[in-house]
Amino acid sequence: MTSMQNHLEDQLLLALKPEYFEVVNESSQHSGPATESHFKIVVVSSNFDEMKLIDRHRFINKLFF
């Protein structure tokens, strides 16, 4: 597991206390030398119950940008 992947997982756990989450490093499927540039994140959390899909995306993006 990469340090970036660990960082993403730690932040998701801290911010959302998810019932389920998955962080997959997909960097090898993209061109270029970067080994930690593309991640797929799946999160199930009761914090998202009343949120629209776009607001869920925005929430996750704000965690990391």
N, C-alpha and C. Protein backbone atom coordinates (compact mmCIF):
# COMPACT_ATOMS: atom_id res chain seq x y z
N MET A 1 0.85 -1.18 0.00
CA MET A 1 0.00 0.00 0.00
C MET A 1 0.89 1.24 0.00
N THR A 2 0.48 2.24 -0.72
CA THR A 2 1.28 3.45 -0.87
C THR A 2 1.00 4.45 0.25
N SER A 3 1.92 5.37 0.42
CA SER A 3 1.71 6.40 1.45
C SER A 3 0.52 7.30 1.11
N MET A 4 0.32 7.59 -0.17
CA MET A 4 -0.83 8.40 -0.57
C MET A 4 -2.12 7.64 -0.31
N GLN A 5 -2.14 6.37 -0.60
CA GLN A 5 -3.33 5.56 -0.34
C GLN A 5 -3.63 5.53 1.15
N ASN A 6 -2.61 5.38 1.98
CA ASN A 6 -2.80 5.42 3.43
C ASN A 6 -3.37 6.76 3.88
N HIS A 7 -2.84 7.83 3.30
CA HIS A 7 -3.32 9.17 3.63
C HIS A 7 -4.81 9.32 3.28
N LEU A 8 -5.18 8.89 2.09
CA LEU A 8 -6.58 8.98 1.66
C LEU A 8 -7.48 8.19 2.59
N GLU A 9 -7.08 6.98 2.91
CA GLU A 9 -7.88 6.13 3.80
C GLU A 9 -8.02 6.75 5.18
N ASP A 10 -6.94 7.26 5.72
CA ASP A 10 -6.98 7.90 7.04
C ASP A 10 -7.94 9.08 7.07
N GLN A 11 -7.88 9.91 6.03
CA GLN A 11 -8.76 11.09 5.96
C GLN A 11 -10.22 10.71 5.83
N LEU A 12 -10.50 9.69 5.03
CA LEU A 12 -11.88 9.22 4.87
C LEU A 12 -12.43 8.69 6.18
N LEU A 13 -11.63 7.90 6.87
CA LEU A 13 -12.06 7.35 8.17
C LEU A 13 -12.33 8.46 9.17
N LEU A 14 -11.46 9.42 9.22
CA LEU A 14 -11.57 10.52 10.17
C LEU A 14 -12.79 11.40 9.88
N ALA A 15 -12.99 11.72 8.63
CA ALA A 15 -14.05 12.67 8.25
C ALA A 15 -15.44 12.04 8.20
N LEU A 16 -15.52 10.77 7.81
CA LEU A 16 -16.83 10.18 7.51
C LEU A 16 -17.23 8.99 8.38
N LYS A 17 -16.29 8.37 9.04
CA LYS A 17 -16.58 7.13 9.79
C LYS A 17 -17.48 6.21 8.95
N PRO A 18 -16.99 5.83 7.77
CA PRO A 18 -17.83 5.08 6.83
C PRO A 18 -18.16 3.66 7.28
N GLU A 19 -19.31 3.19 6.83
CA GLU A 19 -19.69 1.81 7.04
C GLU A 19 -18.84 0.91 6.12
N TYR A 20 -18.49 1.46 4.97
CA TYR A 20 -17.66 0.74 4.00
C TYR A 20 -16.88 1.77 3.20
N PHE A 21 -15.63 1.46 2.89
CA PHE A 21 -14.89 2.31 1.97
C PHE A 21 -13.82 1.46 1.28
N GLU A 22 -13.44 1.93 0.11
CA GLU A 22 -12.42 1.25 -0.68
C GLU A 22 -11.62 2.32 -1.42
N VAL A 23 -10.31 2.22 -1.35
CA VAL A 23 -9.42 3.12 -2.07
C VAL A 23 -8.53 2.24 -2.94
N VAL A 24 -8.62 2.44 -4.26
CA VAL A 24 -7.88 1.61 -5.20
C VAL A 24 -6.93 2.51 -6.00
N ASN A 25 -5.66 2.17 -5.98
CA ASN A 25 -4.67 2.91 -6.75
C ASN A 25 -4.74 2.44 -8.20
N GLU A 26 -5.19 3.31 -9.10
CA GLU A 26 -5.32 2.98 -10.52
C GLU A 26 -4.26 3.68 -11.36
N SER A 27 -3.20 4.15 -10.74
CA SER A 27 -2.16 4.90 -11.42
C SER A 27 -1.47 4.09 -12.52
N SER A 28 -1.35 2.80 -12.32
CA SER A 28 -0.68 1.96 -13.31
C SER A 28 -1.46 1.87 -14.62
N GLN A 29 -2.73 2.24 -14.59
CA GLN A 29 -3.56 2.20 -15.79
C GLN A 29 -3.49 3.49 -16.60
N HIS A 30 -2.67 4.43 -16.15
CA HIS A 30 -2.54 5.72 -16.80
C HIS A 30 -1.10 5.93 -17.25
N SER A 31 -0.92 6.73 -18.28
CA SER A 31 0.43 6.96 -18.79
C SER A 31 1.20 7.91 -17.88
N GLY A 32 2.49 7.83 -17.96
CA GLY A 32 3.36 8.70 -17.17
C GLY A 32 4.04 7.94 -16.05
N PRO A 33 5.04 8.57 -15.47
CA PRO A 33 5.84 7.89 -14.45
C PRO A 33 5.23 7.91 -13.04
N ALA A 34 4.19 8.71 -12.82
CA ALA A 34 3.63 8.84 -11.47
C ALA A 34 3.03 7.53 -10.99
N THR A 35 3.34 7.16 -9.77
CA THR A 35 2.83 5.91 -9.20
C THR A 35 1.68 6.14 -8.23
N GLU A 36 1.41 7.40 -7.91
CA GLU A 36 0.33 7.73 -6.96
C GLU A 36 -0.48 8.91 -7.48
N SER A 37 -0.98 8.80 -8.69
CA SER A 37 -1.65 9.94 -9.31
C SER A 37 -3.15 9.73 -9.55
N HIS A 38 -3.61 8.49 -9.57
CA HIS A 38 -5.01 8.22 -9.87
C HIS A 38 -5.56 7.18 -8.88
N PHE A 39 -6.62 7.58 -8.17
CA PHE A 39 -7.24 6.68 -7.20
C PHE A 39 -8.74 6.63 -7.43
N LYS A 40 -9.31 5.47 -7.22
CA LYS A 40 -10.76 5.29 -7.24
C LYS A 40 -11.18 5.14 -5.78
N ILE A 41 -12.18 5.90 -5.38
CA ILE A 41 -12.66 5.89 -4.01
C ILE A 41 -14.14 5.54 -4.00
N VAL A 42 -14.49 4.55 -3.20
CA VAL A 42 -15.89 4.17 -2.98
C VAL A 42 -16.15 4.33 -1.48
N VAL A 43 -17.20 5.08 -1.14
CA VAL A 43 -17.50 5.34 0.27
C VAL A 43 -18.99 5.17 0.53
N VAL A 44 -19.31 4.43 1.57
CA VAL A 44 -20.69 4.33 2.06
C VAL A 44 -20.69 4.88 3.48
N SER A 45 -21.44 5.95 3.68
CA SER A 45 -21.48 6.59 4.99
C SER A 45 -22.85 7.19 5.23
N SER A 46 -23.32 7.09 6.45
CA SER A 46 -24.61 7.70 6.79
C SER A 46 -24.54 9.23 6.70
N ASN A 47 -23.35 9.79 6.71
CA ASN A 47 -23.19 11.24 6.53
C ASN A 47 -23.70 11.69 5.18
N PHE A 48 -23.80 10.79 4.24
CA PHE A 48 -24.24 11.12 2.89
C PHE A 48 -25.75 10.96 2.71
N ASP A 49 -26.45 10.49 3.71
CA ASP A 49 -27.88 10.16 3.55
C ASP A 49 -28.72 11.28 2.96
N GLU A 50 -28.51 12.49 3.39
CA GLU A 50 -29.34 13.61 2.94
C GLU A 50 -28.67 14.45 1.85
N MET A 51 -27.57 13.95 1.30
CA MET A 51 -26.82 14.74 0.31
C MET A 51 -27.09 14.25 -1.11
N LYS A 52 -27.13 15.19 -2.04
CA LYS A 52 -27.21 14.85 -3.45
C LYS A 52 -25.86 14.26 -3.87
N LEU A 53 -25.87 13.52 -4.95
CA LEU A 53 -24.65 12.89 -5.44
C LEU A 53 -23.55 13.92 -5.70
N ILE A 54 -23.88 15.03 -6.33
CA ILE A 54 -22.87 16.04 -6.63
C ILE A 54 -22.27 16.61 -5.35
N ASP A 55 -23.09 16.76 -4.31
CA ASP A 55 -22.59 17.26 -3.03
C ASP A 55 -21.67 16.26 -2.34
N ARG A 56 -21.94 14.98 -2.56
CA ARG A 56 -21.05 13.94 -2.03
C ARG A 56 -19.68 14.03 -2.70
N HIS A 57 -19.69 14.20 -4.01
CA HIS A 57 -18.43 14.35 -4.76
C HIS A 57 -17.67 15.58 -4.27
N ARG A 58 -18.38 16.67 -4.11
CA ARG A 58 -17.74 17.91 -3.65
C ARG A 58 -17.13 17.74 -2.26
N PHE A 59 -17.84 17.04 -1.39
CA PHE A 59 -17.35 16.81 -0.04
C PHE A 59 -16.03 16.04 -0.08
N ILE A 60 -15.98 14.97 -0.86
CA ILE A 60 -14.75 14.17 -0.98
C ILE A 60 -13.63 15.01 -1.59
N ASN A 61 -13.93 15.78 -2.63
CA ASN A 61 -12.90 16.62 -3.26
C ASN A 61 -12.34 17.63 -2.27
N LYS A 62 -13.18 18.22 -1.43
CA LYS A 62 -12.70 19.21 -0.46
C LYS A 62 -11.79 18.59 0.57
N LEU A 63 -11.94 17.31 0.83
CA LEU A 63 -11.05 16.64 1.79
C LEU A 63 -9.60 16.63 1.31
N PHE A 64 -9.41 16.62 -0.01
CA PHE A 64 -8.08 16.40 -0.55
C PHE A 64 -7.52 17.57 -1.36
N PHE A 65 -8.30 18.64 -1.54
CA PHE A 65 -7.81 19.79 -2.29
C PHE A 65 -7.88 21.04 -1.47
